[in-house]
Amino acid sequence: MAFTRISRAPIAQIHQVESPDFVILFDESVVGPQEVSQGQIVQGASADSTLLVNSKEQQSEFSKKFPGKVFHCPASEIAMSEISRDIPNVPMVGALLQIAKIFPLQEFSSNLKKILSALPEKIIAGNLRAFSRGAAEFFPVQ
């Protein structure tokens, strides 16, 4: 598990997030009796929370039990298509930014290009496409 706080104001809290606005699950295979329970992942979530799952499925076990809004993004498929590796982080960030409206997509895309500037152009272009597709190809789960 990892915890991140994002705010326009200074953040003074350094403890675990207790009431998340967003819960993001990059890999559903980590959930199970031997790994992490679903309850641990959604702990503290409320009807005002949003869950984003890396999945191409129209329905998941999470959507049945999560109290708030649920979105899926086929981030692994997008990553495989655009960068030939199952690294779903860039498409998931695209979906998150589009859903949350916390940062302008074009500005993030420009920053991403700068961050990746030391890499070959093919990798940069693939990541930029993966980011754009993540922002466009997520969908709500009913």
C-alpha atoms as a PDB file:
ATOM      1  CA  MET A   1       0.000   0.000   0.000  1.00  0.00           C
ATOM      2  CA  ALA A   2       1.079   3.533  -0.627  1.00  0.00           C
ATOM      3  CA  PHE A   3      -0.462   6.790   0.482  1.00  0.00           C
ATOM      4  CA  THR A   4      -0.298  10.140  -1.245  1.00  0.00           C
ATOM      5  CA  ARG A   5      -1.812  13.452  -0.307  1.00  0.00           C
ATOM      6  CA  ILE A   6      -2.453  16.060  -2.991  1.00  0.00           C
ATOM      7  CA  SER A   7      -3.479  19.601  -2.104  1.00  0.00           C
ATOM      8  CA  ARG A   8      -3.101  23.160  -3.298  1.00  0.00           C
ATOM      9  CA  ALA A   9      -2.481  24.143   0.345  1.00  0.00           C
ATOM     10  CA  PRO A  10       0.545  23.048   2.396  1.00  0.00           C
ATOM     11  CA  ILE A  11       0.201  19.537   3.814  1.00  0.00           C
ATOM     12  CA  ALA A  12       1.251  19.157   7.448  1.00  0.00           C
ATOM     13  CA  GLN A  13      -0.200  15.691   8.089  1.00  0.00           C
ATOM     14  CA  ILE A  14       2.246  12.799   7.891  1.00  0.00           C
ATOM     15  CA  HIS A  15       0.096   9.899   9.086  1.00  0.00           C
ATOM     16  CA  GLN A  16      -1.745   7.232   7.117  1.00  0.00           C
ATOM     17  CA  VAL A  17      -4.751   8.444   5.138  1.00  0.00           C
ATOM     18  CA  GLU A  18      -7.855   7.562   7.146  1.00  0.00           C
ATOM     19  CA  SER A  19     -10.666   8.865   4.902  1.00  0.00           C
ATOM     20  CA  PRO A  20      -9.495   8.681   1.280  1.00  0.00           C
ATOM     21  CA  ASP A  21     -11.110  10.728  -1.452  1.00  0.00           C
ATOM     22  CA  PHE A  22      -9.616   8.325  -3.997  1.00  0.00           C
ATOM     23  CA  VAL A  23      -8.598   4.680  -3.779  1.00  0.00           C
ATOM     24  CA  ILE A  24      -6.554   3.360  -6.690  1.00  0.00           C
ATOM     25  CA  LEU A  25      -5.990  -0.330  -7.296  1.00  0.00           C
ATOM     26  CA  PHE A  26      -3.249  -1.013  -9.841  1.00  0.00           C
ATOM     27  CA  ASP A  27      -3.388  -4.812  -9.634  1.00  0.00           C
ATOM     28  CA  GLU A  28      -6.456  -6.812  -8.586  1.00  0.00           C
ATOM     29  CA  SER A  29      -4.320  -9.954  -8.204  1.00  0.00           C
ATOM     30  CA  VAL A  30      -2.900  -8.653  -4.906  1.00  0.00           C
ATOM     31  CA  VAL A  31      -6.331  -9.041  -3.319  1.00  0.00           C
ATOM     32  CA  GLY A  32      -7.103 -12.366  -1.711  1.00  0.00           C
ATOM     33  CA  PRO A  33      -6.906 -14.419   1.450  1.00  0.00           C
ATOM     34  CA  GLN A  34      -3.117 -14.700   1.337  1.00  0.00           C
ATOM     35  CA  GLU A  35      -2.423 -11.118   0.298  1.00  0.00           C
ATOM     36  CA  VAL A  36      -4.417  -7.984   1.077  1.00  0.00           C
ATOM     37  CA  SER A  37      -8.122  -8.126   1.871  1.00  0.00           C
ATOM     38  CA  GLN A  38     -10.625  -6.019  -0.012  1.00  0.00           C
ATOM     39  CA  GLY A  39     -11.587  -4.453   3.308  1.00  0.00           C
ATOM     40  CA  GLN A  40      -8.020  -3.258   3.840  1.00  0.00           C
ATOM     41  CA  ILE A  41      -7.945  -1.612   0.429  1.00  0.00           C
ATOM     42  CA  VAL A  42     -11.206   0.292   0.826  1.00  0.00           C
ATOM     43  CA  GLN A  43     -10.838   1.000   4.545  1.00  0.00           C
ATOM     44  CA  GLY A  44     -12.093   4.470   5.422  1.00  0.00           C
ATOM     45  CA  ALA A  45     -13.791   5.020   2.068  1.00  0.00           C
ATOM     46  CA  SER A  46     -17.201   6.659   2.096  1.00  0.00           C
ATOM     47  CA  ALA A  47     -20.006   7.441  -0.327  1.00  0.00           C
ATOM     48  CA  ASP A  48     -17.964  10.527  -1.292  1.00  0.00           C
ATOM     49  CA  SER A  49     -14.902   8.429  -2.184  1.00  0.00           C
ATOM     50  CA  THR A  50     -13.939   7.265  -5.673  1.00  0.00           C
ATOM     51  CA  LEU A  51     -12.316   3.946  -6.584  1.00  0.00           C
ATOM     52  CA  LEU A  52     -10.216   3.600  -9.744  1.00  0.00           C
ATOM     53  CA  VAL A  53      -9.331   0.017 -10.720  1.00  0.00           C
ATOM     54  CA  ASN A  54      -6.911  -1.109 -13.419  1.00  0.00           C
ATOM     55  CA  SER A  55      -9.364  -3.397 -15.190  1.00  0.00           C
ATOM     56  CA  LYS A  56     -11.061  -3.835 -18.531  1.00  0.00           C
ATOM     57  CA  GLU A  57     -14.020  -5.623 -16.947  1.00  0.00           C
ATOM     58  CA  GLN A  58     -17.417  -3.954 -16.781  1.00  0.00           C
ATOM     59  CA  GLN A  59     -17.965  -5.227 -13.230  1.00  0.00           C
ATOM     60  CA  SER A  60     -15.696  -6.262 -10.365  1.00  0.00           C
ATOM     61  CA  GLU A  61     -15.987  -7.470  -6.808  1.00  0.00           C
ATOM     62  CA  PHE A  62     -14.918  -3.998  -5.732  1.00  0.00           C
ATOM     63  CA  SER A  63     -17.791  -2.263  -7.468  1.00  0.00           C
ATOM     64  CA  LYS A  64     -20.245  -4.433  -5.550  1.00  0.00           C
ATOM     65  CA  LYS A  65     -18.921  -3.456  -2.117  1.00  0.00           C
ATOM     66  CA  PHE A  66     -17.382  -0.009  -2.579  1.00  0.00           C
ATOM     67  CA  PRO A  67     -19.585   2.700  -1.053  1.00  0.00           C
ATOM     68  CA  GLY A  68     -18.688   5.471  -3.539  1.00  0.00           C
ATOM     69  CA  LYS A  69     -18.174   5.899  -7.281  1.00  0.00           C
ATOM     70  CA  VAL A  70     -16.212   3.236  -9.143  1.00  0.00           C
ATOM     71  CA  PHE A  71     -14.276   3.613 -12.395  1.00  0.00           C
ATOM     72  CA  HIS A  72     -12.260   1.082 -14.345  1.00  0.00           C
ATOM     73  CA  CYS A  73      -9.420   1.849 -16.726  1.00  0.00           C
ATOM     74  CA  PRO A  74      -7.806  -0.826 -18.926  1.00  0.00           C
ATOM     75  CA  ALA A  75      -4.414   0.609 -17.985  1.00  0.00           C
ATOM     76  CA  SER A  76      -2.425  -2.611 -18.386  1.00  0.00           C
ATOM     77  CA  GLU A  77      -3.819  -3.122 -21.882  1.00  0.00           C
ATOM     78  CA  ILE A  78      -3.066   0.487 -22.772  1.00  0.00           C
ATOM     79  CA  ALA A  79       0.491   0.192 -21.451  1.00  0.00           C
ATOM     80  CA  MET A  80       1.110  -3.039 -23.360  1.00  0.00           C
ATOM     81  CA  SER A  81      -0.217  -1.437 -26.522  1.00  0.00           C
ATOM     82  CA  GLU A  82       1.743   1.803 -26.215  1.00  0.00           C
ATOM     83  CA  ILE A  83       5.003   0.886 -24.444  1.00  0.00           C
ATOM     84  CA  SER A  84       5.024  -2.923 -24.769  1.00  0.00           C
ATOM     85  CA  ARG A  85       5.299  -3.355 -20.989  1.00  0.00           C
ATOM     86  CA  ASP A  86       2.678  -3.920 -18.298  1.00  0.00           C
ATOM     87  CA  ILE A  87       3.445  -0.713 -16.433  1.00  0.00           C
ATOM     88  CA  PRO A  88      -0.011   0.818 -15.872  1.00  0.00           C
ATOM     89  CA  ASN A  89       1.000   3.875 -13.848  1.00  0.00           C
ATOM     90  CA  VAL A  90       0.914   6.481 -16.645  1.00  0.00           C
ATOM     91  CA  PRO A  91      -2.540   5.536 -18.006  1.00  0.00           C
ATOM     92  CA  MET A  92      -3.868   5.325 -14.429  1.00  0.00           C
ATOM     93  CA  VAL A  93      -2.600   8.838 -13.722  1.00  0.00           C
ATOM     94  CA  GLY A  94      -4.334  10.029 -16.902  1.00  0.00           C
ATOM     95  CA  ALA A  95      -7.624   8.498 -15.746  1.00  0.00           C
ATOM     96  CA  LEU A  96      -7.217   9.870 -12.214  1.00  0.00           C
ATOM     97  CA  LEU A  97      -6.521  13.397 -13.415  1.00  0.00           C
ATOM     98  CA  GLN A  98      -9.503  13.306 -15.765  1.00  0.00           C
ATOM     99  CA  ILE A  99     -11.846  11.942 -13.098  1.00  0.00           C
ATOM    100  CA  ALA A 100     -10.641  14.185 -10.267  1.00  0.00           C
ATOM    101  CA  LYS A 101     -10.029  17.350 -12.280  1.00  0.00           C
ATOM    102  CA  ILE A 102      -7.089  18.091  -9.933  1.00  0.00           C
ATOM    103  CA  PHE A 103      -4.533  19.079 -12.548  1.00  0.00           C
ATOM    104  CA  PRO A 104      -4.844  20.227 -16.169  1.00  0.00           C
ATOM    105  CA  LEU A 105      -4.189  17.303 -18.525  1.00  0.00           C
ATOM    106  CA  GLN A 106      -2.187  19.326 -21.045  1.00  0.00           C
ATOM    107  CA  GLU A 107       0.050  20.773 -18.338  1.00  0.00           C
ATOM    108  CA  PHE A 108       0.679  17.317 -16.857  1.00  0.00           C
ATOM    109  CA  SER A 109       1.421  15.929 -20.322  1.00  0.00           C
ATOM    110  CA  SER A 110       4.010  18.690 -20.879  1.00  0.00           C
ATOM    111  CA  ASN A 111       5.580  17.974 -17.499  1.00  0.00           C
ATOM    112  CA  LEU A 112       5.637  14.243 -18.223  1.00  0.00           C
ATOM    113  CA  LYS A 113       7.466  14.907 -21.480  1.00  0.00           C
ATOM    114  CA  LYS A 114      10.100  16.948 -19.588  1.00  0.00           C
ATOM    115  CA  ILE A 115      10.490  14.277 -16.899  1.00  0.00           C
ATOM    116  CA  LEU A 116      11.034  11.573 -19.524  1.00  0.00           C
ATOM    117  CA  SER A 117      13.272  13.732 -21.731  1.00  0.00           C
ATOM    118  CA  ALA A 118      16.392  11.621 -21.114  1.00  0.00           C
ATOM    119  CA  LEU A 119      14.682   8.536 -22.552  1.00  0.00           C
ATOM    120  CA  PRO A 120      14.464   7.598 -26.232  1.00  0.00           C
ATOM    121  CA  GLU A 121      11.785   9.455 -28.208  1.00  0.00           C
ATOM    122  CA  LYS A 122       9.885   6.200 -28.821  1.00  0.00           C
ATOM    123  CA  ILE A 123       9.427   5.691 -25.066  1.00  0.00           C
ATOM    124  CA  ILE A 124       8.446   9.307 -24.492  1.00  0.00           C
ATOM    125  CA  ALA A 125       5.868   9.194 -27.297  1.00  0.00           C
ATOM    126  CA  GLY A 126       4.464   5.868 -26.048  1.00  0.00           C
ATOM    127  CA  ASN A 127       4.051   7.195 -22.519  1.00  0.00           C
ATOM    128  CA  LEU A 128       2.354  10.359 -23.761  1.00  0.00           C
ATOM    129  CA  ARG A 129      -0.076   8.265 -25.796  1.00  0.00           C
ATOM    130  CA  ALA A 130      -0.657   5.986 -22.778  1.00  0.00           C
ATOM    131  CA  PHE A 131      -1.394   9.020 -20.603  1.00  0.00           C
ATOM    132  CA  SER A 132      -3.874  10.434 -23.138  1.00  0.00           C
ATOM    133  CA  ARG A 133      -5.587   7.088 -23.606  1.00  0.00           C
ATOM    134  CA  GLY A 134      -5.916   6.581 -19.846  1.00  0.00           C
ATOM    135  CA  ALA A 135      -7.571   9.994 -19.598  1.00  0.00           C
ATOM    136  CA  ALA A 136      -9.979   9.035 -22.400  1.00  0.00           C
ATOM    137  CA  GLU A 137     -10.651   5.311 -21.943  1.00  0.00           C
ATOM    138  CA  PHE A 138     -11.716   4.948 -18.314  1.00  0.00           C
ATOM    139  CA  PHE A 139     -15.376   4.194 -17.674  1.00  0.00           C
ATOM    140  CA  PRO A 140     -17.801   4.223 -14.746  1.00  0.00           C
ATOM    141  CA  VAL A 141     -18.952   0.921 -13.283  1.00  0.00           C
ATOM    142  CA  GLN A 142     -22.668   0.620 -12.679  1.00  0.00           C
END
